[in-house]
Each structure stands twice: as C-alpha cells, then as structure tokens.
Amino acid sequence: MLSEKFLKLRSRAYAKKNKNQHPVSYTEAKSFGILYTTEDEPKHQSVKTLIKNLESDGKKVHTITYLPKDKENYEFKFDFFTKKDITFAGKIKSESVLNFLNSPFDFLILLDFEYSEIAGAVLSQSKAKCRIGSLNSNGSQYFEFMMDSGGGNYNKLIEDIFKYIKLL
C-alpha cells in the first residue's frame, strides 16, 4: 500500500536522526513503554502480566496498542490507535500516540513477533533510551536490543524480556 511506503520512508528518516542515549540499568529505570498490536485475549493477558511484574518493581508503565481493523480492544484498558490515526503520507495524528512518542521511557518494549511499518513509525520517533523487541531482520534498525524467543509464544517472549532487562 502506498501509505505504508511513505510510513517506511518517514520512519527510516526519523531513525537516522534519533540518536539514543545509553540505556540505564533495570534498577535505575523508572519508566517503561509497551507497544503491541491487538491480536487476541491470551496476548492481552500476557501484556497485563508484564505490566504487573514491572509495576510490582516500582516501575511506571505506559501501554499503547495498535488496533487493526476487525479486532477487539479487550477491556479498553490501554490507549489505542488505528490506521485512521496515520495520514496517507505516514504522519501520526493521534494525540495518545504523540504523547507516547514524547515520553522519555528508559525502555520501550515492542511485544509483536511480526514487524510492521506502523510499529516502526512509533519506534523510530520514540524518545526512549532503549528499544527492545523480538528478533526480526525487517525492523532491526529500530532496536537497541532484540531477542529470539520461543517462536510465537508471547508468554515466553515476555518472560525472556523481563529476565534479560533485569540483568541490565
């Protein structure tokens, strides 16, 4: 789709300009951003588990989800955005996403196995110090830390992310 090409070009330009600070250790980290694409109830529950773990360690967590067409926003618990919140030229116009982008998270975690240009747009424009996600060659330029985890099992991915960020 043509708008995804614009989004990809815009994201790559942001990624080149967006020089990240050095990540802080987990014990020093205060704020976490979580980005994910809504898929199903089990994934939603997995995300809630990660949030609970982070908050129990005293971390502030802000979560936003991309809601594809014909998907349900479980509980309406998190801020969400849709394709309508991105212009044809790839510019994000959602107030909740813009606030998310301008938050200086210590860590931003993408909880998707499949990379999308929409995730790339958010990752590339984020003010996060360290971006973490599942190993995927298509979006590697947007991450400081990627891991190969469990081939499609969100519980395993979340368990591994939580384990490894605590070691940082």
N, C-alpha and C. Protein backbone atom coordinates (compact mmCIF):
# COMPACT_ATOMS: atom_id res chain seq x y z
N MET A 1 0.84 -1.18 0.00
CA MET A 1 0.00 0.00 0.00
C MET A 1 0.88 1.24 0.00
N LEU A 2 0.47 2.26 -0.73
CA LEU A 2 1.26 3.46 -0.90
C LEU A 2 1.54 4.17 0.42
N SER A 3 0.55 4.26 1.31
CA SER A 3 0.77 4.96 2.58
C SER A 3 1.82 4.25 3.43
N GLU A 4 1.94 2.91 3.33
CA GLU A 4 2.97 2.19 4.07
C GLU A 4 4.36 2.52 3.54
N LYS A 5 4.47 2.82 2.24
CA LYS A 5 5.77 3.23 1.69
C LYS A 5 6.16 4.59 2.27
N PHE A 6 5.23 5.50 2.37
CA PHE A 6 5.51 6.79 2.99
C PHE A 6 5.89 6.60 4.46
N LEU A 7 5.17 5.75 5.13
CA LEU A 7 5.44 5.48 6.54
C LEU A 7 6.84 4.91 6.71
N LYS A 8 7.23 4.00 5.85
CA LYS A 8 8.57 3.40 5.90
C LYS A 8 9.64 4.46 5.67
N LEU A 9 9.47 5.31 4.68
CA LEU A 9 10.45 6.37 4.40
C LEU A 9 10.55 7.34 5.58
N ARG A 10 9.41 7.72 6.11
CA ARG A 10 9.39 8.65 7.25
C ARG A 10 10.08 8.01 8.46
N SER A 11 9.81 6.74 8.71
CA SER A 11 10.40 6.04 9.85
C SER A 11 11.91 5.93 9.73
N ARG A 12 12.38 5.61 8.56
CA ARG A 12 13.83 5.50 8.36
C ARG A 12 14.52 6.85 8.55
N ALA A 13 13.88 7.91 8.10
CA ALA A 13 14.45 9.24 8.30
C ALA A 13 14.52 9.58 9.79
N TYR A 14 13.47 9.28 10.53
CA TYR A 14 13.47 9.52 11.98
C TYR A 14 14.53 8.66 12.67
N ALA A 15 14.65 7.42 12.26
CA ALA A 15 15.61 6.51 12.89
C ALA A 15 17.04 7.02 12.71
N LYS A 16 17.35 7.60 11.56
CA LYS A 16 18.69 8.14 11.32
C LYS A 16 18.96 9.36 12.20
N LYS A 17 17.94 10.19 12.41
CA LYS A 17 18.11 11.40 13.23
C LYS A 17 18.04 11.13 14.72
N ASN A 18 17.35 10.09 15.11
CA ASN A 18 17.07 9.81 16.51
C ASN A 18 18.26 9.11 17.16
N LYS A 19 19.15 9.89 17.71
CA LYS A 19 20.32 9.34 18.41
C LYS A 19 19.93 9.04 19.83
N ASN A 20 20.08 7.81 20.23
CA ASN A 20 19.65 7.37 21.55
C ASN A 20 20.74 7.58 22.60
N GLN A 21 20.27 7.80 23.81
CA GLN A 21 21.18 7.86 24.94
C GLN A 21 21.53 6.43 25.31
N HIS A 22 22.52 6.29 26.18
CA HIS A 22 22.86 4.95 26.66
C HIS A 22 21.78 4.47 27.61
N PRO A 23 21.40 3.21 27.49
CA PRO A 23 20.38 2.68 28.39
C PRO A 23 20.85 2.68 29.85
N VAL A 24 19.90 2.76 30.72
CA VAL A 24 20.18 2.68 32.15
C VAL A 24 19.97 1.24 32.59
N SER A 25 20.42 0.93 33.78
CA SER A 25 20.20 -0.41 34.31
C SER A 25 18.74 -0.55 34.72
N TYR A 26 18.30 -1.78 34.90
CA TYR A 26 16.92 -2.03 35.30
C TYR A 26 16.63 -1.38 36.65
N THR A 27 17.58 -1.46 37.58
CA THR A 27 17.34 -0.89 38.91
C THR A 27 17.21 0.63 38.85
N GLU A 28 17.91 1.27 37.92
CA GLU A 28 17.82 2.72 37.76
C GLU A 28 16.60 3.13 36.94
N ALA A 29 16.11 2.24 36.11
CA ALA A 29 14.99 2.57 35.22
C ALA A 29 13.73 2.91 36.01
N LYS A 30 13.06 3.95 35.56
CA LYS A 30 11.83 4.38 36.21
C LYS A 30 10.60 4.19 35.32
N SER A 31 10.79 4.34 34.00
CA SER A 31 9.62 4.32 33.12
C SER A 31 9.79 3.35 31.96
N PHE A 32 8.69 2.67 31.66
CA PHE A 32 8.65 1.69 30.57
C PHE A 32 7.47 2.01 29.66
N GLY A 33 7.71 1.91 28.37
CA GLY A 33 6.64 1.98 27.40
C GLY A 33 6.44 0.60 26.82
N ILE A 34 5.20 0.23 26.61
CA ILE A 34 4.89 -1.05 25.97
C ILE A 34 4.00 -0.77 24.77
N LEU A 35 4.42 -1.27 23.63
CA LEU A 35 3.68 -1.13 22.38
C LEU A 35 3.39 -2.54 21.88
N TYR A 36 2.16 -2.75 21.46
CA TYR A 36 1.82 -4.05 20.87
C TYR A 36 0.62 -3.90 19.96
N THR A 37 0.46 -4.88 19.08
CA THR A 37 -0.69 -4.96 18.19
C THR A 37 -1.71 -5.89 18.83
N THR A 38 -2.94 -5.43 18.92
CA THR A 38 -4.01 -6.26 19.48
C THR A 38 -4.23 -7.46 18.56
N GLU A 39 -4.24 -8.65 19.16
CA GLU A 39 -4.47 -9.87 18.40
C GLU A 39 -5.59 -10.70 19.01
N ASP A 40 -5.40 -11.10 20.27
CA ASP A 40 -6.38 -11.96 20.91
C ASP A 40 -6.30 -11.81 22.42
N GLU A 41 -7.22 -12.46 23.11
CA GLU A 41 -7.30 -12.36 24.57
C GLU A 41 -6.05 -12.92 25.27
N PRO A 42 -5.49 -14.06 24.84
CA PRO A 42 -4.28 -14.55 25.51
C PRO A 42 -3.10 -13.56 25.44
N LYS A 43 -2.92 -12.91 24.30
CA LYS A 43 -1.84 -11.92 24.19
C LYS A 43 -2.11 -10.76 25.13
N HIS A 44 -3.35 -10.32 25.18
CA HIS A 44 -3.74 -9.22 26.07
C HIS A 44 -3.41 -9.58 27.53
N GLN A 45 -3.72 -10.80 27.93
CA GLN A 45 -3.42 -11.24 29.29
C GLN A 45 -1.92 -11.30 29.54
N SER A 46 -1.14 -11.71 28.54
CA SER A 46 0.31 -11.74 28.67
C SER A 46 0.88 -10.34 28.90
N VAL A 47 0.35 -9.38 28.16
CA VAL A 47 0.79 -7.99 28.32
C VAL A 47 0.48 -7.51 29.74
N LYS A 48 -0.71 -7.82 30.22
CA LYS A 48 -1.08 -7.43 31.58
C LYS A 48 -0.14 -8.05 32.62
N THR A 49 0.32 -9.27 32.38
CA THR A 49 1.25 -9.92 33.29
C THR A 49 2.58 -9.15 33.34
N LEU A 50 3.09 -8.75 32.18
CA LEU A 50 4.33 -7.98 32.15
C LEU A 50 4.16 -6.66 32.90
N ILE A 51 3.05 -5.99 32.66
CA ILE A 51 2.80 -4.72 33.34
C ILE A 51 2.79 -4.93 34.85
N LYS A 52 2.11 -5.97 35.29
CA LYS A 52 2.04 -6.27 36.73
C LYS A 52 3.44 -6.50 37.31
N ASN A 53 4.28 -7.26 36.59
CA ASN A 53 5.64 -7.52 37.05
C ASN A 53 6.46 -6.23 37.15
N LEU A 54 6.35 -5.38 36.15
CA LEU A 54 7.10 -4.12 36.16
C LEU A 54 6.61 -3.20 37.28
N GLU A 55 5.30 -3.09 37.41
CA GLU A 55 4.74 -2.21 38.44
C GLU A 55 5.06 -2.72 39.85
N SER A 56 5.14 -4.04 40.02
CA SER A 56 5.48 -4.57 41.34
C SER A 56 6.92 -4.24 41.72
N ASP A 57 7.75 -3.92 40.72
CA ASP A 57 9.11 -3.46 40.98
C ASP A 57 9.20 -1.94 41.06
N GLY A 58 8.05 -1.27 41.10
CA GLY A 58 8.02 0.18 41.25
C GLY A 58 8.23 0.96 39.97
N LYS A 59 8.05 0.32 38.83
CA LYS A 59 8.24 0.99 37.54
C LYS A 59 6.93 1.60 37.06
N LYS A 60 7.05 2.75 36.43
CA LYS A 60 5.89 3.40 35.81
C LYS A 60 5.76 2.83 34.39
N VAL A 61 4.56 2.39 34.03
CA VAL A 61 4.35 1.74 32.73
C VAL A 61 3.24 2.45 31.96
N HIS A 62 3.54 2.78 30.70
CA HIS A 62 2.54 3.36 29.80
C HIS A 62 2.42 2.42 28.61
N THR A 63 1.21 1.97 28.35
CA THR A 63 0.97 0.98 27.30
C THR A 63 0.07 1.58 26.22
N ILE A 64 0.42 1.27 24.99
CA ILE A 64 -0.42 1.68 23.86
C ILE A 64 -0.49 0.51 22.89
N THR A 65 -1.66 0.34 22.29
CA THR A 65 -1.83 -0.78 21.37
C THR A 65 -2.37 -0.30 20.03
N TYR A 66 -1.85 -0.93 18.99
CA TYR A 66 -2.38 -0.70 17.65
C TYR A 66 -3.54 -1.66 17.45
N LEU A 67 -4.68 -1.12 17.08
CA LEU A 67 -5.90 -1.91 16.92
C LEU A 67 -6.21 -2.06 15.43
N PRO A 68 -5.88 -3.22 14.85
CA PRO A 68 -6.18 -3.45 13.44
C PRO A 68 -7.70 -3.53 13.22
N LYS A 69 -8.07 -3.34 11.99
CA LYS A 69 -9.48 -3.44 11.62
C LYS A 69 -10.01 -4.84 12.00
N ASP A 70 -11.21 -4.88 12.51
CA ASP A 70 -11.90 -6.12 12.88
C ASP A 70 -11.31 -6.84 14.09
N LYS A 71 -10.55 -6.13 14.92
CA LYS A 71 -10.03 -6.71 16.16
C LYS A 71 -10.72 -6.02 17.34
N GLU A 72 -10.81 -6.72 18.44
CA GLU A 72 -11.46 -6.20 19.64
C GLU A 72 -10.42 -5.60 20.58
N ASN A 73 -10.76 -4.46 21.17
CA ASN A 73 -9.91 -3.84 22.17
C ASN A 73 -10.35 -4.35 23.54
N TYR A 74 -9.69 -5.39 24.02
CA TYR A 74 -10.07 -6.05 25.26
C TYR A 74 -10.02 -5.09 26.43
N GLU A 75 -11.15 -4.98 27.13
CA GLU A 75 -11.28 -4.19 28.35
C GLU A 75 -11.17 -2.68 28.14
N PHE A 76 -10.74 -2.21 26.99
CA PHE A 76 -10.47 -0.79 26.76
C PHE A 76 -9.53 -0.25 27.84
N LYS A 77 -8.63 -1.11 28.30
CA LYS A 77 -7.73 -0.79 29.40
C LYS A 77 -6.59 0.13 28.96
N PHE A 78 -6.13 0.01 27.72
CA PHE A 78 -4.97 0.76 27.26
C PHE A 78 -5.36 1.75 26.17
N ASP A 79 -4.56 2.81 26.05
CA ASP A 79 -4.73 3.71 24.92
C ASP A 79 -4.52 2.90 23.65
N PHE A 80 -5.24 3.25 22.60
CA PHE A 80 -5.08 2.53 21.35
C PHE A 80 -5.16 3.50 20.19
N PHE A 81 -4.69 3.04 19.04
CA PHE A 81 -4.80 3.82 17.82
C PHE A 81 -5.07 2.88 16.66
N THR A 82 -5.57 3.43 15.58
CA THR A 82 -5.91 2.64 14.40
C THR A 82 -5.21 3.24 13.18
N LYS A 83 -5.37 2.60 12.07
CA LYS A 83 -4.77 3.09 10.83
C LYS A 83 -5.30 4.49 10.47
N LYS A 84 -6.49 4.81 10.93
CA LYS A 84 -7.08 6.13 10.66
C LYS A 84 -6.29 7.25 11.35
N ASP A 85 -5.48 6.89 12.34
CA ASP A 85 -4.69 7.87 13.08
C ASP A 85 -3.35 8.16 12.42
N ILE A 86 -3.15 7.61 11.23
CA ILE A 86 -1.93 7.85 10.47
C ILE A 86 -2.33 8.35 9.09
N THR A 87 -1.78 9.49 8.71
CA THR A 87 -2.16 10.09 7.44
C THR A 87 -1.61 9.28 6.27
N PHE A 88 -2.10 9.59 5.08
CA PHE A 88 -1.65 8.92 3.87
C PHE A 88 -0.14 9.08 3.69
N ALA A 89 0.40 10.22 4.12
CA ALA A 89 1.83 10.49 3.99
C ALA A 89 2.64 9.88 5.13
N GLY A 90 1.98 9.14 6.03
CA GLY A 90 2.70 8.46 7.10
C GLY A 90 2.89 9.27 8.36
N LYS A 91 2.20 10.37 8.49
CA LYS A 91 2.33 11.20 9.69
C LYS A 91 1.31 10.75 10.74
N ILE A 92 1.79 10.62 11.97
CA ILE A 92 0.92 10.20 13.07
C ILE A 92 0.15 11.41 13.58
N LYS A 93 -1.18 11.25 13.70
CA LYS A 93 -2.01 12.37 14.16
C LYS A 93 -2.78 12.06 15.44
N SER A 94 -2.58 10.89 16.01
CA SER A 94 -3.25 10.50 17.24
C SER A 94 -2.60 11.19 18.44
N GLU A 95 -3.39 11.88 19.23
CA GLU A 95 -2.86 12.57 20.41
C GLU A 95 -2.25 11.58 21.41
N SER A 96 -2.88 10.44 21.59
CA SER A 96 -2.34 9.46 22.54
C SER A 96 -1.00 8.90 22.06
N VAL A 97 -0.85 8.69 20.76
CA VAL A 97 0.42 8.20 20.23
C VAL A 97 1.48 9.30 20.33
N LEU A 98 1.12 10.52 20.02
CA LEU A 98 2.08 11.63 20.11
C LEU A 98 2.58 11.80 21.54
N ASN A 99 1.68 11.67 22.52
CA ASN A 99 2.11 11.72 23.93
C ASN A 99 3.04 10.57 24.25
N PHE A 100 2.73 9.39 23.75
CA PHE A 100 3.56 8.21 23.95
C PHE A 100 4.96 8.43 23.35
N LEU A 101 5.00 8.97 22.13
CA LEU A 101 6.27 9.22 21.45
C LEU A 101 7.15 10.20 22.21
N ASN A 102 6.55 11.17 22.85
CA ASN A 102 7.30 12.21 23.54
C ASN A 102 7.67 11.85 24.98
N SER A 103 7.28 10.67 25.41
CA SER A 103 7.64 10.22 26.76
C SER A 103 9.06 9.65 26.73
N PRO A 104 9.93 10.13 27.61
CA PRO A 104 11.32 9.66 27.60
C PRO A 104 11.49 8.35 28.38
N PHE A 105 10.92 7.28 27.87
CA PHE A 105 10.98 5.98 28.54
C PHE A 105 12.44 5.53 28.68
N ASP A 106 12.72 4.85 29.77
CA ASP A 106 14.02 4.20 29.90
C ASP A 106 14.07 2.99 28.98
N PHE A 107 12.95 2.28 28.86
CA PHE A 107 12.84 1.14 27.96
C PHE A 107 11.50 1.19 27.24
N LEU A 108 11.52 0.91 25.95
CA LEU A 108 10.30 0.75 25.16
C LEU A 108 10.31 -0.67 24.61
N ILE A 109 9.27 -1.42 24.94
CA ILE A 109 9.19 -2.83 24.57
C ILE A 109 8.10 -3.02 23.52
N LEU A 110 8.48 -3.61 22.39
CA LEU A 110 7.50 -3.99 21.36
C LEU A 110 7.19 -5.46 21.56
N LEU A 111 5.92 -5.76 21.79
CA LEU A 111 5.51 -7.15 22.03
C LEU A 111 4.77 -7.72 20.82
N ASP A 112 5.42 -7.69 19.68
CA ASP A 112 4.91 -8.28 18.45
C ASP A 112 6.02 -9.15 17.86
N PHE A 113 5.65 -10.27 17.29
CA PHE A 113 6.63 -11.10 16.60
C PHE A 113 6.83 -10.63 15.17
N GLU A 114 5.76 -10.18 14.55
CA GLU A 114 5.82 -9.70 13.17
C GLU A 114 6.03 -8.20 13.18
N TYR A 115 7.07 -7.74 12.53
CA TYR A 115 7.36 -6.31 12.43
C TYR A 115 6.36 -5.67 11.46
N SER A 116 5.90 -4.47 11.79
CA SER A 116 5.02 -3.72 10.88
C SER A 116 5.57 -2.31 10.73
N GLU A 117 5.23 -1.69 9.63
CA GLU A 117 5.66 -0.30 9.41
C GLU A 117 5.02 0.64 10.44
N ILE A 118 3.87 0.27 10.93
CA ILE A 118 3.21 1.08 11.96
C ILE A 118 4.04 1.04 13.25
N ALA A 119 4.51 -0.14 13.64
CA ALA A 119 5.39 -0.25 14.81
C ALA A 119 6.69 0.53 14.56
N GLY A 120 7.22 0.42 13.36
CA GLY A 120 8.45 1.14 13.01
C GLY A 120 8.28 2.65 13.15
N ALA A 121 7.12 3.15 12.78
CA ALA A 121 6.86 4.59 12.91
C ALA A 121 6.92 5.02 14.37
N VAL A 122 6.33 4.23 15.24
CA VAL A 122 6.34 4.56 16.67
C VAL A 122 7.74 4.39 17.24
N LEU A 123 8.40 3.29 16.94
CA LEU A 123 9.74 3.04 17.47
C LEU A 123 10.73 4.11 17.03
N SER A 124 10.68 4.48 15.76
CA SER A 124 11.66 5.43 15.23
C SER A 124 11.48 6.84 15.78
N GLN A 125 10.28 7.19 16.17
CA GLN A 125 10.03 8.55 16.66
C GLN A 125 10.05 8.65 18.18
N SER A 126 10.13 7.53 18.84
CA SER A 126 10.10 7.50 20.30
C SER A 126 11.35 8.15 20.90
N LYS A 127 11.17 8.75 22.06
CA LYS A 127 12.27 9.34 22.81
C LYS A 127 12.87 8.35 23.81
N ALA A 128 12.54 7.06 23.66
CA ALA A 128 13.02 6.02 24.58
C ALA A 128 14.54 5.89 24.49
N LYS A 129 15.15 5.53 25.61
CA LYS A 129 16.60 5.32 25.66
C LYS A 129 16.98 3.97 25.07
N CYS A 130 16.12 2.98 25.24
CA CYS A 130 16.42 1.63 24.75
C CYS A 130 15.12 0.97 24.27
N ARG A 131 15.16 0.48 23.03
CA ARG A 131 14.02 -0.20 22.44
C ARG A 131 14.31 -1.70 22.38
N ILE A 132 13.35 -2.50 22.83
CA ILE A 132 13.53 -3.94 22.92
C ILE A 132 12.41 -4.63 22.15
N GLY A 133 12.77 -5.69 21.42
CA GLY A 133 11.75 -6.43 20.70
C GLY A 133 12.22 -7.82 20.31
N SER A 134 11.34 -8.53 19.66
CA SER A 134 11.62 -9.88 19.18
C SER A 134 12.52 -9.80 17.95
N LEU A 135 13.43 -10.74 17.83
CA LEU A 135 14.37 -10.77 16.72
C LEU A 135 13.62 -10.85 15.39
N ASN A 136 13.86 -9.86 14.54
CA ASN A 136 13.22 -9.79 13.25
C ASN A 136 14.08 -8.89 12.37
N SER A 137 14.61 -9.40 11.31
CA SER A 137 15.55 -8.64 10.48
C SER A 137 14.90 -7.44 9.80
N ASN A 138 13.59 -7.46 9.61
CA ASN A 138 12.94 -6.36 8.92
C ASN A 138 12.97 -5.05 9.69
N GLY A 139 12.99 -5.10 11.00
CA GLY A 139 12.94 -3.87 11.78
C GLY A 139 14.12 -3.65 12.68
N SER A 140 15.23 -4.33 12.42
CA SER A 140 16.36 -4.29 13.35
C SER A 140 16.93 -2.90 13.54
N GLN A 141 16.79 -2.00 12.58
CA GLN A 141 17.34 -0.65 12.71
C GLN A 141 16.64 0.17 13.79
N TYR A 142 15.51 -0.30 14.28
CA TYR A 142 14.74 0.45 15.27
C TYR A 142 14.98 0.00 16.71
N PHE A 143 15.82 -1.02 16.91
CA PHE A 143 16.01 -1.59 18.24
C PHE A 143 17.46 -1.47 18.70
N GLU A 144 17.62 -1.36 20.01
CA GLU A 144 18.94 -1.47 20.61
C GLU A 144 19.17 -2.89 21.12
N PHE A 145 18.08 -3.61 21.38
CA PHE A 145 18.18 -4.95 21.95
C PHE A 145 17.06 -5.81 21.38
N MET A 146 17.44 -6.94 20.76
CA MET A 146 16.46 -7.86 20.20
C MET A 146 16.75 -9.26 20.71
N MET A 147 15.71 -10.06 20.83
CA MET A 147 15.93 -11.44 21.29
C MET A 147 15.06 -12.41 20.51
N ASP A 148 15.63 -13.59 20.32
CA ASP A 148 14.90 -14.69 19.68
C ASP A 148 14.26 -15.48 20.81
N SER A 149 12.94 -15.50 20.81
CA SER A 149 12.28 -16.10 21.95
C SER A 149 11.06 -16.92 21.56
N GLY A 150 11.18 -18.21 21.66
CA GLY A 150 10.04 -19.10 21.65
C GLY A 150 9.18 -19.20 20.42
N GLY A 151 9.53 -18.61 19.31
CA GLY A 151 8.79 -18.76 18.07
C GLY A 151 7.29 -18.61 18.14
N GLY A 152 6.81 -17.48 18.58
CA GLY A 152 5.38 -17.22 18.56
C GLY A 152 4.67 -17.39 19.89
N ASN A 153 5.40 -17.62 20.95
CA ASN A 153 4.79 -17.75 22.26
C ASN A 153 5.01 -16.46 23.05
N TYR A 154 3.93 -15.69 23.23
CA TYR A 154 4.05 -14.39 23.90
C TYR A 154 4.44 -14.51 25.36
N ASN A 155 3.96 -15.54 26.04
CA ASN A 155 4.36 -15.73 27.43
C ASN A 155 5.86 -15.93 27.54
N LYS A 156 6.43 -16.72 26.63
CA LYS A 156 7.88 -16.96 26.62
C LYS A 156 8.63 -15.68 26.29
N LEU A 157 8.17 -14.93 25.30
CA LEU A 157 8.81 -13.67 24.93
C LEU A 157 8.82 -12.71 26.13
N ILE A 158 7.70 -12.57 26.78
CA ILE A 158 7.59 -11.66 27.92
C ILE A 158 8.47 -12.13 29.07
N GLU A 159 8.47 -13.43 29.31
CA GLU A 159 9.32 -13.99 30.37
C GLU A 159 10.79 -13.69 30.09
N ASP A 160 11.21 -13.89 28.83
CA ASP A 160 12.60 -13.64 28.45
C ASP A 160 12.95 -12.16 28.53
N ILE A 161 12.09 -11.31 28.04
CA ILE A 161 12.35 -9.87 28.12
C ILE A 161 12.51 -9.45 29.56
N PHE A 162 11.60 -9.86 30.41
CA PHE A 162 11.66 -9.48 31.82
C PHE A 162 12.94 -10.00 32.46
N LYS A 163 13.30 -11.23 32.14
CA LYS A 163 14.52 -11.84 32.70
C LYS A 163 15.76 -11.05 32.27
N TYR A 164 15.87 -10.72 30.99
CA TYR A 164 17.08 -10.08 30.48
C TYR A 164 17.17 -8.60 30.83
N ILE A 165 16.07 -7.90 30.88
CA ILE A 165 16.18 -6.48 31.27
C ILE A 165 16.57 -6.35 32.73
N LYS A 166 16.19 -7.33 33.54
CA LYS A 166 16.59 -7.28 34.95
C LYS A 166 18.09 -7.50 35.10
N LEU A 167 18.73 -8.13 34.11
CA LEU A 167 20.17 -8.34 34.15
C LEU A 167 20.96 -7.11 33.68
N LEU A 168 20.28 -6.19 33.01
CA LEU A 168 20.98 -5.00 32.51
C LEU A 168 21.39 -4.09 33.64
